[in-house]
């Protein structure tokens, strides 16, 4: 039976041994918990796709311990990528680059590009150092569902599909990394995250071009429905929330304000600032999803600071996939 184990030198060594043997291990990053496999072992990489129910064309992110390994995994690394690496690695930034010859197309979903990042979580870095190589590590959940930000979430999602879950506490950022594509003529923002457009612009000289689902290479987290609870979820403007409640008395609610007097269903209030909201978002969605009622979500402001949160909420409330 899969065990959740605390962070320790001994458990990092055990986890690294399991990874070398082709097993899957869940571990924390600063963004969300990932399910890791040896990036050089196609059999182990294939197990990730089966464990998650992930389509084969959906690429994985390669996690490195150091930027010194970048040229082993990417080809023709542009200067922009090296500048971003110096500024934001380790951290919640993934760069899409031309793949190097050692990268299996199983990892890249058949594409000639590879997504790479260096996580900032000390346990993730410790595991990468102990393992001594690169790991692919998508979020430790069933494909398309709510990402895990605690060890128990990862265990609930993947259970005996993995050999071990390393417990590093709650993820401090709570939403997945920013993804910027540097493989083409101009930088493309494929997924917003904690490294903002403004921060990217400081290094690149201009903000990356916005990309919709069909622009640029395929990358994680770009489907219309993603990060989604099983319960139907719907975004509602702040102005219309209480009117919606009048016609839907049995719903669960995720909001940035207190529940109105007399509200008798489950109401979760998240922080009214984007970093705190992001950190608690997935745990809150999980809590409401367990109840099994439709979920109304108060829409946050449509301003740059809330871009990553709005992206995740839009996909969580997107069209369901049967």
C-alpha atoms as a PDB file:
ATOM      1  CA  UNK A   1       0.000   0.000   0.000  1.00  0.00           C
ATOM      2  CA  UNK A   2       1.306   3.442  -0.932  1.00  0.00           C
ATOM      3  CA  UNK A   3       2.634   5.410   2.022  1.00  0.00           C
ATOM      4  CA  UNK A   4       2.909   9.118   2.725  1.00  0.00           C
ATOM      5  CA  UNK A   5       6.296   9.752   4.310  1.00  0.00           C
ATOM      6  CA  UNK A   6       7.807  12.863   5.905  1.00  0.00           C
ATOM      7  CA  UNK A   7      10.765  14.697   4.490  1.00  0.00           C
ATOM      8  CA  UNK A   8      14.035  13.178   5.663  1.00  0.00           C
ATOM      9  CA  UNK A   9      17.406  12.286   4.189  1.00  0.00           C
ATOM     10  CA  UNK A  10      16.523   8.598   4.472  1.00  0.00           C
ATOM     11  CA  UNK A  11      13.191   9.024   2.659  1.00  0.00           C
ATOM     12  CA  UNK A  12      14.776  11.106  -0.099  1.00  0.00           C
ATOM     13  CA  UNK A  13      17.231   8.272  -0.636  1.00  0.00           C
ATOM     14  CA  UNK A  14      14.407   5.725  -0.738  1.00  0.00           C
ATOM     15  CA  UNK A  15      12.476   7.890  -3.190  1.00  0.00           C
ATOM     16  CA  UNK A  16      15.504   8.270  -5.461  1.00  0.00           C
ATOM     17  CA  UNK A  17      16.027   4.489  -5.443  1.00  0.00           C
ATOM     18  CA  UNK A  18      12.381   3.951  -6.419  1.00  0.00           C
ATOM     19  CA  UNK A  19      12.727   6.426  -9.282  1.00  0.00           C
ATOM     20  CA  UNK A  20      15.872   4.685 -10.537  1.00  0.00           C
ATOM     21  CA  UNK A  21      13.905   1.436 -10.510  1.00  0.00           C
ATOM     22  CA  UNK A  22      11.274   2.965 -12.805  1.00  0.00           C
ATOM     23  CA  UNK A  23       8.664   3.644 -10.103  1.00  0.00           C
ATOM     24  CA  UNK A  24       6.551   6.793  -9.685  1.00  0.00           C
ATOM     25  CA  UNK A  25       6.970   9.099  -6.681  1.00  0.00           C
ATOM     26  CA  UNK A  26       4.805  12.073  -5.716  1.00  0.00           C
ATOM     27  CA  UNK A  27       6.643  15.069  -4.289  1.00  0.00           C
ATOM     28  CA  UNK A  28       5.939  18.714  -3.477  1.00  0.00           C
ATOM     29  CA  UNK A  29       6.950  21.736  -5.473  1.00  0.00           C
ATOM     30  CA  UNK A  30       6.238  25.355  -4.637  1.00  0.00           C
ATOM     31  CA  UNK A  31       3.422  25.341  -7.224  1.00  0.00           C
ATOM     32  CA  UNK A  32       1.572  22.010  -6.760  1.00  0.00           C
ATOM     33  CA  UNK A  33       2.490  18.397  -5.989  1.00  0.00           C
ATOM     34  CA  UNK A  34       3.947  16.488  -8.920  1.00  0.00           C
ATOM     35  CA  UNK A  35       4.165  12.813  -9.812  1.00  0.00           C
ATOM     36  CA  UNK A  36       7.730  12.141 -10.839  1.00  0.00           C
ATOM     37  CA  UNK A  37       9.415   9.619 -13.107  1.00  0.00           C
ATOM     38  CA  UNK A  38      12.891   9.246 -14.565  1.00  0.00           C
ATOM     39  CA  UNK A  39      12.850  11.484 -17.665  1.00  0.00           C
ATOM     40  CA  UNK A  40      15.347   9.156 -19.377  1.00  0.00           C
ATOM     41  CA  UNK A  41      13.267   6.003 -18.828  1.00  0.00           C
ATOM     42  CA  UNK A  42      10.507   5.645 -21.417  1.00  0.00           C
ATOM     43  CA  UNK A  43       8.834   2.819 -19.525  1.00  0.00           C
ATOM     44  CA  UNK A  44       8.592   4.976 -16.401  1.00  0.00           C
ATOM     45  CA  UNK A  45       7.369   7.963 -18.422  1.00  0.00           C
ATOM     46  CA  UNK A  46       4.694   5.755 -19.958  1.00  0.00           C
ATOM     47  CA  UNK A  47       3.520   4.803 -16.459  1.00  0.00           C
ATOM     48  CA  UNK A  48       2.786   8.462 -15.735  1.00  0.00           C
ATOM     49  CA  UNK A  49       0.461   8.692 -18.722  1.00  0.00           C
ATOM     50  CA  UNK A  50      -1.371   5.540 -17.647  1.00  0.00           C
ATOM     51  CA  UNK A  51      -1.578   6.534 -13.962  1.00  0.00           C
ATOM     52  CA  UNK A  52      -3.044   9.938 -14.770  1.00  0.00           C
ATOM     53  CA  UNK A  53      -5.167   8.865 -17.730  1.00  0.00           C
ATOM     54  CA  UNK A  54      -3.260  11.501 -19.676  1.00  0.00           C
ATOM     55  CA  UNK A  55      -3.454  11.617 -23.498  1.00  0.00           C
ATOM     56  CA  UNK A  56      -0.161  10.662 -25.146  1.00  0.00           C
ATOM     57  CA  UNK A  57      -0.032  13.934 -27.113  1.00  0.00           C
ATOM     58  CA  UNK A  58      -0.109  16.017 -23.927  1.00  0.00           C
ATOM     59  CA  UNK A  59       3.561  16.876 -23.145  1.00  0.00           C
ATOM     60  CA  UNK A  60       5.281  16.677 -19.783  1.00  0.00           C
ATOM     61  CA  UNK A  61       7.566  19.169 -18.046  1.00  0.00           C
ATOM     62  CA  UNK A  62      11.172  18.132 -17.400  1.00  0.00           C
ATOM     63  CA  UNK A  63      12.413  19.170 -13.949  1.00  0.00           C
ATOM     64  CA  UNK A  64      16.122  19.832 -13.464  1.00  0.00           C
ATOM     65  CA  UNK A  65      18.250  20.419 -10.369  1.00  0.00           C
ATOM     66  CA  UNK A  66      20.413  23.078 -12.018  1.00  0.00           C
ATOM     67  CA  UNK A  67      20.477  25.353 -15.058  1.00  0.00           C
ATOM     68  CA  UNK A  68      23.875  23.845 -15.808  1.00  0.00           C
ATOM     69  CA  UNK A  69      21.957  20.859 -17.219  1.00  0.00           C
ATOM     70  CA  UNK A  70      19.862  22.970 -19.592  1.00  0.00           C
ATOM     71  CA  UNK A  71      21.982  22.283 -22.667  1.00  0.00           C
ATOM     72  CA  UNK A  72      21.718  18.529 -22.077  1.00  0.00           C
ATOM     73  CA  UNK A  73      17.938  18.690 -22.563  1.00  0.00           C
ATOM     74  CA  UNK A  74      17.378  21.634 -24.904  1.00  0.00           C
ATOM     75  CA  UNK A  75      18.932  22.514 -28.249  1.00  0.00           C
ATOM     76  CA  UNK A  76      19.836  25.976 -29.529  1.00  0.00           C
ATOM     77  CA  UNK A  77      19.047  27.660 -26.211  1.00  0.00           C
ATOM     78  CA  UNK A  78      18.424  31.355 -26.939  1.00  0.00           C
ATOM     79  CA  UNK A  79      19.946  34.109 -24.836  1.00  0.00           C
ATOM     80  CA  UNK A  80      16.456  35.100 -23.676  1.00  0.00           C
ATOM     81  CA  UNK A  81      16.116  31.700 -22.008  1.00  0.00           C
ATOM     82  CA  UNK A  82      19.424  32.066 -20.193  1.00  0.00           C
ATOM     83  CA  UNK A  83      18.412  35.513 -18.947  1.00  0.00           C
ATOM     84  CA  UNK A  84      15.072  34.205 -17.681  1.00  0.00           C
ATOM     85  CA  UNK A  85      16.816  31.270 -16.013  1.00  0.00           C
ATOM     86  CA  UNK A  86      19.139  33.626 -14.151  1.00  0.00           C
ATOM     87  CA  UNK A  87      16.210  35.780 -13.065  1.00  0.00           C
ATOM     88  CA  UNK A  88      13.565  33.211 -12.108  1.00  0.00           C
ATOM     89  CA  UNK A  89      15.135  29.772 -11.595  1.00  0.00           C
ATOM     90  CA  UNK A  90      14.682  28.020  -9.269  1.00  0.00           C
ATOM     91  CA  UNK A  91      11.065  29.109  -9.384  1.00  0.00           C
ATOM     92  CA  UNK A  92       7.599  28.804 -10.916  1.00  0.00           C
ATOM     93  CA  UNK A  93       8.652  29.382 -14.522  1.00  0.00           C
ATOM     94  CA  UNK A  94       8.631  26.773 -17.301  1.00  0.00           C
ATOM     95  CA  UNK A  95      10.341  27.498 -20.614  1.00  0.00           C
ATOM     96  CA  UNK A  96       9.510  25.720 -23.871  1.00  0.00           C
ATOM     97  CA  UNK A  97      12.619  25.270 -26.020  1.00  0.00           C
ATOM     98  CA  UNK A  98      13.781  23.193 -28.960  1.00  0.00           C
ATOM     99  CA  UNK A  99      14.276  19.681 -27.613  1.00  0.00           C
ATOM    100  CA  UNK A 100      17.730  18.175 -27.394  1.00  0.00           C
ATOM    101  CA  UNK A 101      18.541  14.769 -28.914  1.00  0.00           C
ATOM    102  CA  UNK A 102      18.335  12.953 -25.566  1.00  0.00           C
ATOM    103  CA  UNK A 103      14.701  13.973 -25.011  1.00  0.00           C
ATOM    104  CA  UNK A 104      12.216  11.259 -25.932  1.00  0.00           C
ATOM    105  CA  UNK A 105       9.225  12.293 -28.023  1.00  0.00           C
ATOM    106  CA  UNK A 106       7.169  10.399 -25.434  1.00  0.00           C
ATOM    107  CA  UNK A 107       8.039  13.235 -23.024  1.00  0.00           C
ATOM    108  CA  UNK A 108       7.229  15.940 -25.573  1.00  0.00           C
ATOM    109  CA  UNK A 109       3.977  14.481 -26.868  1.00  0.00           C
ATOM    110  CA  UNK A 110       5.597  13.942 -30.277  1.00  0.00           C
ATOM    111  CA  UNK A 111       6.724  17.553 -30.634  1.00  0.00           C
ATOM    112  CA  UNK A 112      10.162  18.982 -31.350  1.00  0.00           C
ATOM    113  CA  UNK A 113       9.975  21.194 -28.273  1.00  0.00           C
ATOM    114  CA  UNK A 114      10.505  20.412 -24.593  1.00  0.00           C
ATOM    115  CA  UNK A 115       9.181  22.188 -21.494  1.00  0.00           C
ATOM    116  CA  UNK A 116      11.760  22.637 -18.705  1.00  0.00           C
ATOM    117  CA  UNK A 117      11.844  24.166 -15.247  1.00  0.00           C
ATOM    118  CA  UNK A 118      13.770  24.110 -11.958  1.00  0.00           C
ATOM    119  CA  UNK A 119      11.415  23.987  -8.956  1.00  0.00           C
ATOM    120  CA  UNK A 120      12.092  26.172  -5.915  1.00  0.00           C
ATOM    121  CA  UNK A 121      10.831  23.770  -3.228  1.00  0.00           C
ATOM    122  CA  UNK A 122      13.747  22.481  -1.091  1.00  0.00           C
ATOM    123  CA  UNK A 123      12.348  18.940  -1.014  1.00  0.00           C
ATOM    124  CA  UNK A 124      11.965  18.852  -4.796  1.00  0.00           C
ATOM    125  CA  UNK A 125      15.517  20.128  -5.254  1.00  0.00           C
ATOM    126  CA  UNK A 126      16.771  17.653  -2.672  1.00  0.00           C
ATOM    127  CA  UNK A 127      15.092  14.785  -4.501  1.00  0.00           C
ATOM    128  CA  UNK A 128      16.497  15.894  -7.865  1.00  0.00           C
ATOM    129  CA  UNK A 129      19.983  16.130  -6.365  1.00  0.00           C
ATOM    130  CA  UNK A 130      19.663  12.717  -4.685  1.00  0.00           C
ATOM    131  CA  UNK A 131      18.334  11.169  -7.889  1.00  0.00           C
ATOM    132  CA  UNK A 132      21.123  12.716  -9.940  1.00  0.00           C
ATOM    133  CA  UNK A 133      19.126  13.274 -13.130  1.00  0.00           C
ATOM    134  CA  UNK A 134      16.034  14.857 -14.608  1.00  0.00           C
ATOM    135  CA  UNK A 135      12.454  14.029 -13.667  1.00  0.00           C
ATOM    136  CA  UNK A 136       9.251  14.518 -15.577  1.00  0.00           C
ATOM    137  CA  UNK A 137       6.648  15.616 -13.044  1.00  0.00           C
ATOM    138  CA  UNK A 138       3.142  16.651 -14.084  1.00  0.00           C
ATOM    139  CA  UNK A 139       0.646  17.486 -11.353  1.00  0.00           C
ATOM    140  CA  UNK A 140      -0.187  14.441  -9.226  1.00  0.00           C
ATOM    141  CA  UNK A 141      -3.860  14.165 -10.167  1.00  0.00           C
ATOM    142  CA  UNK A 142      -6.076  12.418 -12.665  1.00  0.00           C
ATOM    143  CA  UNK A 143      -5.921  14.225 -15.976  1.00  0.00           C
ATOM    144  CA  UNK A 144      -8.023  17.376 -16.101  1.00  0.00           C
ATOM    145  CA  UNK A 145      -8.928  17.338 -12.411  1.00  0.00           C
ATOM    146  CA  UNK A 146      -8.019  19.629  -9.533  1.00  0.00           C
ATOM    147  CA  UNK A 147      -4.278  19.799  -8.936  1.00  0.00           C
ATOM    148  CA  UNK A 148      -3.021  18.650  -5.501  1.00  0.00           C
ATOM    149  CA  UNK A 149      -1.410  21.127  -3.124  1.00  0.00           C
ATOM    150  CA  UNK A 150      -1.030  18.730  -0.187  1.00  0.00           C
ATOM    151  CA  UNK A 151       0.361  15.218   0.140  1.00  0.00           C
ATOM    152  CA  UNK A 152      -3.034  13.765   1.047  1.00  0.00           C
ATOM    153  CA  UNK A 153      -4.503  15.207  -2.179  1.00  0.00           C
ATOM    154  CA  UNK A 154      -1.881  13.373  -4.230  1.00  0.00           C
ATOM    155  CA  UNK A 155      -2.541  10.130  -2.375  1.00  0.00           C
ATOM    156  CA  UNK A 156      -6.294  10.491  -2.918  1.00  0.00           C
ATOM    157  CA  UNK A 157      -5.777  11.112  -6.635  1.00  0.00           C
ATOM    158  CA  UNK A 158      -3.218   8.450  -7.536  1.00  0.00           C
ATOM    159  CA  UNK A 159      -3.144   6.032  -4.593  1.00  0.00           C
ATOM    160  CA  UNK A 160      -1.470   2.739  -5.443  1.00  0.00           C
ATOM    161  CA  UNK A 161      -0.440   3.965  -8.908  1.00  0.00           C
ATOM    162  CA  UNK A 162       2.601   5.473  -7.153  1.00  0.00           C
ATOM    163  CA  UNK A 163       5.204   3.896  -4.889  1.00  0.00           C
ATOM    164  CA  UNK A 164       5.581   6.773  -2.422  1.00  0.00           C
ATOM    165  CA  UNK A 165       4.244  10.227  -1.578  1.00  0.00           C
ATOM    166  CA  UNK A 166       6.764  12.616  -0.016  1.00  0.00           C
ATOM    167  CA  UNK A 167       5.089  15.069   2.360  1.00  0.00           C
ATOM    168  CA  UNK A 168       6.535  18.568   2.210  1.00  0.00           C
ATOM    169  CA  UNK A 169       3.554  20.470   3.577  1.00  0.00           C
ATOM    170  CA  UNK A 170       1.217  22.669   1.605  1.00  0.00           C
ATOM    171  CA  UNK A 171       2.446  24.171  -1.663  1.00  0.00           C
ATOM    172  CA  UNK A 172       3.221  27.841  -1.098  1.00  0.00           C
ATOM    173  CA  UNK A 173       2.087  29.168  -4.501  1.00  0.00           C
ATOM    174  CA  UNK A 174      -0.815  26.822  -5.176  1.00  0.00           C
ATOM    175  CA  UNK A 175      -1.193  27.134  -8.963  1.00  0.00           C
ATOM    176  CA  UNK A 176       0.971  25.712 -11.721  1.00  0.00           C
ATOM    177  CA  UNK A 177       4.014  27.416 -13.196  1.00  0.00           C
ATOM    178  CA  UNK A 178       4.024  30.128 -15.815  1.00  0.00           C
ATOM    179  CA  UNK A 179       4.829  28.650 -19.234  1.00  0.00           C
ATOM    180  CA  UNK A 180       6.570  30.799 -21.842  1.00  0.00           C
ATOM    181  CA  UNK A 181       7.464  29.486 -25.292  1.00  0.00           C
ATOM    182  CA  UNK A 182      10.886  30.579 -26.543  1.00  0.00           C
ATOM    183  CA  UNK A 183      11.132  28.099 -29.410  1.00  0.00           C
ATOM    184  CA  UNK A 184       9.802  30.422 -32.119  1.00  0.00           C
ATOM    185  CA  UNK A 185      10.351  33.875 -33.529  1.00  0.00           C
ATOM    186  CA  UNK A 186       8.644  35.685 -30.630  1.00  0.00           C
ATOM    187  CA  UNK A 187       8.041  34.675 -26.992  1.00  0.00           C
ATOM    188  CA  UNK A 188       4.526  33.336 -26.342  1.00  0.00           C
ATOM    189  CA  UNK A 189       2.808  33.153 -22.976  1.00  0.00           C
ATOM    190  CA  UNK A 190       1.200  29.701 -23.014  1.00  0.00           C
ATOM    191  CA  UNK A 191       0.038  29.640 -19.379  1.00  0.00           C
ATOM    192  CA  UNK A 192       0.012  32.458 -16.811  1.00  0.00           C
ATOM    193  CA  UNK A 193       1.365  31.782 -13.353  1.00  0.00           C
ATOM    194  CA  UNK A 194       3.196  33.329 -10.414  1.00  0.00           C
ATOM    195  CA  UNK A 195       5.890  34.804 -12.691  1.00  0.00           C
ATOM    196  CA  UNK A 196       3.810  37.576 -14.219  1.00  0.00           C
ATOM    197  CA  UNK A 197       3.833  39.170 -17.656  1.00  0.00           C
ATOM    198  CA  UNK A 198       5.400  42.238 -16.088  1.00  0.00           C
ATOM    199  CA  UNK A 199       8.227  40.174 -14.613  1.00  0.00           C
ATOM    200  CA  UNK A 200       8.810  38.449 -17.944  1.00  0.00           C
ATOM    201  CA  UNK A 201       8.818  41.813 -19.710  1.00  0.00           C
ATOM    202  CA  UNK A 202      11.553  43.125 -17.405  1.00  0.00           C
ATOM    203  CA  UNK A 203      13.888  40.434 -18.739  1.00  0.00           C
ATOM    204  CA  UNK A 204      12.615  40.041 -22.311  1.00  0.00           C
ATOM    205  CA  UNK A 205      12.291  43.772 -22.993  1.00  0.00           C
ATOM    206  CA  UNK A 206       8.584  43.375 -23.838  1.00  0.00           C
ATOM    207  CA  UNK A 207       5.718  41.279 -22.562  1.00  0.00           C
ATOM    208  CA  UNK A 208       5.321  37.926 -24.345  1.00  0.00           C
ATOM    209  CA  UNK A 209       2.527  37.659 -26.874  1.00  0.00           C
ATOM    210  CA  UNK A 210      -0.692  36.136 -25.577  1.00  0.00           C
ATOM    211  CA  UNK A 211      -1.421  32.680 -26.967  1.00  0.00           C
ATOM    212  CA  UNK A 212      -4.733  30.914 -27.151  1.00  0.00           C
ATOM    213  CA  UNK A 213      -5.206  27.143 -27.055  1.00  0.00           C
ATOM    214  CA  UNK A 214      -4.113  26.713 -30.678  1.00  0.00           C
ATOM    215  CA  UNK A 215      -1.069  29.040 -30.716  1.00  0.00           C
ATOM    216  CA  UNK A 216       2.431  27.694 -30.259  1.00  0.00           C
ATOM    217  CA  UNK A 217       3.432  24.201 -29.115  1.00  0.00           C
ATOM    218  CA  UNK A 218       1.094  22.056 -27.057  1.00  0.00           C
ATOM    219  CA  UNK A 219       1.750  22.595 -23.343  1.00  0.00           C
ATOM    220  CA  UNK A 220       0.191  21.496 -20.056  1.00  0.00           C
ATOM    221  CA  UNK A 221      -2.939  23.177 -18.750  1.00  0.00           C
ATOM    222  CA  UNK A 222      -4.244  24.756 -21.940  1.00  0.00           C
ATOM    223  CA  UNK A 223      -7.439  22.812 -22.522  1.00  0.00           C
ATOM    224  CA  UNK A 224     -10.776  24.593 -22.181  1.00  0.00           C
ATOM    225  CA  UNK A 225     -11.677  22.302 -19.283  1.00  0.00           C
ATOM    226  CA  UNK A 226      -8.883  21.665 -16.801  1.00  0.00           C
ATOM    227  CA  UNK A 227      -8.213  21.839 -13.047  1.00  0.00           C
ATOM    228  CA  UNK A 228     -11.892  20.904 -12.804  1.00  0.00           C
ATOM    229  CA  UNK A 229     -14.015  19.546  -9.951  1.00  0.00           C
ATOM    230  CA  UNK A 230     -16.448  16.746 -10.710  1.00  0.00           C
ATOM    231  CA  UNK A 231     -19.286  18.918  -9.408  1.00  0.00           C
ATOM    232  CA  UNK A 232     -20.523  21.451 -11.978  1.00  0.00           C
ATOM    233  CA  UNK A 233     -18.901  24.833 -11.363  1.00  0.00           C
ATOM    234  CA  UNK A 234     -19.933  28.223 -12.688  1.00  0.00           C
ATOM    235  CA  UNK A 235     -18.351  31.673 -12.524  1.00  0.00           C
ATOM    236  CA  UNK A 236     -20.644  34.508 -11.456  1.00  0.00           C
ATOM    237  CA  UNK A 237     -19.837  38.211 -11.402  1.00  0.00           C
ATOM    238  CA  UNK A 238     -19.553  39.819  -7.985  1.00  0.00           C
ATOM    239  CA  UNK A 239     -22.545  42.029  -8.802  1.00  0.00           C
ATOM    240  CA  UNK A 240     -24.828  39.100  -9.627  1.00  0.00           C
ATOM    241  CA  UNK A 241     -23.740  36.593  -6.973  1.00  0.00           C
ATOM    242  CA  UNK A 242     -26.510  37.219  -4.441  1.00  0.00           C
ATOM    243  CA  UNK A 243     -29.160  37.263  -7.164  1.00  0.00           C
ATOM    244  CA  UNK A 244     -27.903  33.863  -8.329  1.00  0.00           C
ATOM    245  CA  UNK A 245     -28.111  32.543  -4.778  1.00  0.00           C
ATOM    246  CA  UNK A 246     -31.784  33.437  -4.578  1.00  0.00           C
ATOM    247  CA  UNK A 247     -32.529  31.034  -7.412  1.00  0.00           C
ATOM    248  CA  UNK A 248     -30.042  28.334  -6.338  1.00  0.00           C
ATOM    249  CA  UNK A 249     -30.340  27.894  -2.558  1.00  0.00           C
ATOM    250  CA  UNK A 250     -28.582  24.514  -2.415  1.00  0.00           C
ATOM    251  CA  UNK A 251     -25.304  25.472  -4.093  1.00  0.00           C
ATOM    252  CA  UNK A 252     -21.836  25.653  -2.561  1.00  0.00           C
ATOM    253  CA  UNK A 253     -20.047  28.975  -2.917  1.00  0.00           C
ATOM    254  CA  UNK A 254     -16.446  30.107  -3.321  1.00  0.00           C
ATOM    255  CA  UNK A 255     -16.139  33.858  -2.760  1.00  0.00           C
ATOM    256  CA  UNK A 256     -13.976  36.705  -1.517  1.00  0.00           C
ATOM    257  CA  UNK A 257     -16.622  38.053   0.848  1.00  0.00           C
ATOM    258  CA  UNK A 258     -18.448  36.663   3.888  1.00  0.00           C
ATOM    259  CA  UNK A 259     -21.628  34.641   3.458  1.00  0.00           C
ATOM    260  CA  UNK A 260     -24.838  36.690   3.618  1.00  0.00           C
ATOM    261  CA  UNK A 261     -27.066  36.342   6.674  1.00  0.00           C
ATOM    262  CA  UNK A 262     -29.223  33.241   6.515  1.00  0.00           C
ATOM    263  CA  UNK A 263     -27.135  31.357   3.946  1.00  0.00           C
ATOM    264  CA  UNK A 264     -27.351  27.695   4.984  1.00  0.00           C
ATOM    265  CA  UNK A 265     -25.165  25.846   2.468  1.00  0.00           C
ATOM    266  CA  UNK A 266     -21.334  25.661   2.344  1.00  0.00           C
ATOM    267  CA  UNK A 267     -19.606  28.983   1.746  1.00  0.00           C
ATOM    268  CA  UNK A 268     -15.811  29.253   1.579  1.00  0.00           C
ATOM    269  CA  UNK A 269     -14.204  32.666   1.722  1.00  0.00           C
ATOM    270  CA  UNK A 270     -10.762  33.039   0.151  1.00  0.00           C
ATOM    271  CA  UNK A 271      -8.334  35.966   0.568  1.00  0.00           C
ATOM    272  CA  UNK A 272      -9.100  39.136  -1.359  1.00  0.00           C
ATOM    273  CA  UNK A 273      -5.588  39.327  -2.827  1.00  0.00           C
ATOM    274  CA  UNK A 274      -4.339  37.131  -5.671  1.00  0.00           C
ATOM    275  CA  UNK A 275      -1.366  35.352  -4.063  1.00  0.00           C
ATOM    276  CA  UNK A 276      -3.350  34.251  -1.017  1.00  0.00           C
ATOM    277  CA  UNK A 277      -6.343  33.280  -3.159  1.00  0.00           C
ATOM    278  CA  UNK A 278      -4.152  31.183  -5.466  1.00  0.00           C
ATOM    279  CA  UNK A 279      -2.485  29.432  -2.541  1.00  0.00           C
ATOM    280  CA  UNK A 280      -5.853  28.255  -1.142  1.00  0.00           C
ATOM    281  CA  UNK A 281      -7.817  27.817  -4.385  1.00  0.00           C
ATOM    282  CA  UNK A 282      -7.375  24.118  -5.155  1.00  0.00           C
ATOM    283  CA  UNK A 283      -7.852  22.995  -1.558  1.00  0.00           C
ATOM    284  CA  UNK A 284     -11.085  24.998  -1.435  1.00  0.00           C
ATOM    285  CA  UNK A 285     -12.342  23.516  -4.699  1.00  0.00           C
ATOM    286  CA  UNK A 286     -11.603  20.030  -3.380  1.00  0.00           C
ATOM    287  CA  UNK A 287     -13.504  20.700  -0.173  1.00  0.00           C
ATOM    288  CA  UNK A 288     -16.556  21.912  -2.073  1.00  0.00           C
ATOM    289  CA  UNK A 289     -16.318  19.110  -4.626  1.00  0.00           C
ATOM    290  CA  UNK A 290     -16.655  16.480  -1.876  1.00  0.00           C
ATOM    291  CA  UNK A 291     -20.067  17.928  -0.971  1.00  0.00           C
ATOM    292  CA  UNK A 292     -21.290  17.120  -4.470  1.00  0.00           C
ATOM    293  CA  UNK A 293     -23.454  20.186  -5.024  1.00  0.00           C
ATOM    294  CA  UNK A 294     -23.092  22.674  -7.894  1.00  0.00           C
ATOM    295  CA  UNK A 295     -20.462  25.313  -7.127  1.00  0.00           C
ATOM    296  CA  UNK A 296     -20.875  29.050  -7.713  1.00  0.00           C
ATOM    297  CA  UNK A 297     -17.592  30.954  -7.874  1.00  0.00           C
ATOM    298  CA  UNK A 298     -17.480  34.712  -7.407  1.00  0.00           C
ATOM    299  CA  UNK A 299     -15.445  36.023 -10.332  1.00  0.00           C
ATOM    300  CA  UNK A 300     -12.273  37.896  -9.273  1.00  0.00           C
ATOM    301  CA  UNK A 301     -11.315  41.233 -10.815  1.00  0.00           C
ATOM    302  CA  UNK A 302     -10.249  41.139 -14.479  1.00  0.00           C
ATOM    303  CA  UNK A 303      -6.917  42.852 -13.849  1.00  0.00           C
ATOM    304  CA  UNK A 304      -3.321  41.692 -14.507  1.00  0.00           C
ATOM    305  CA  UNK A 305      -2.555  40.653 -10.914  1.00  0.00           C
ATOM    306  CA  UNK A 306      -5.393  38.111 -11.068  1.00  0.00           C
ATOM    307  CA  UNK A 307      -4.509  36.681 -14.503  1.00  0.00           C
ATOM    308  CA  UNK A 308      -3.295  33.267 -13.291  1.00  0.00           C
ATOM    309  CA  UNK A 309      -6.247  32.791 -10.932  1.00  0.00           C
ATOM    310  CA  UNK A 310      -8.752  33.817 -13.602  1.00  0.00           C
ATOM    311  CA  UNK A 311      -7.146  31.398 -16.051  1.00  0.00           C
ATOM    312  CA  UNK A 312      -7.523  28.471 -13.616  1.00  0.00           C
ATOM    313  CA  UNK A 313     -11.078  29.387 -12.659  1.00  0.00           C
ATOM    314  CA  UNK A 314     -12.136  29.761 -16.288  1.00  0.00           C
ATOM    315  CA  UNK A 315     -10.892  26.244 -17.040  1.00  0.00           C
ATOM    316  CA  UNK A 316     -12.268  24.756 -13.804  1.00  0.00           C
ATOM    317  CA  UNK A 317     -15.704  26.061 -14.821  1.00  0.00           C
ATOM    318  CA  UNK A 318     -15.160  25.230 -18.509  1.00  0.00           C
ATOM    319  CA  UNK A 319     -17.116  22.706 -20.590  1.00  0.00           C
ATOM    320  CA  UNK A 320     -17.048  19.263 -19.002  1.00  0.00           C
ATOM    321  CA  UNK A 321     -15.331  16.324 -20.710  1.00  0.00           C
ATOM    322  CA  UNK A 322     -17.291  13.099 -20.531  1.00  0.00           C
END
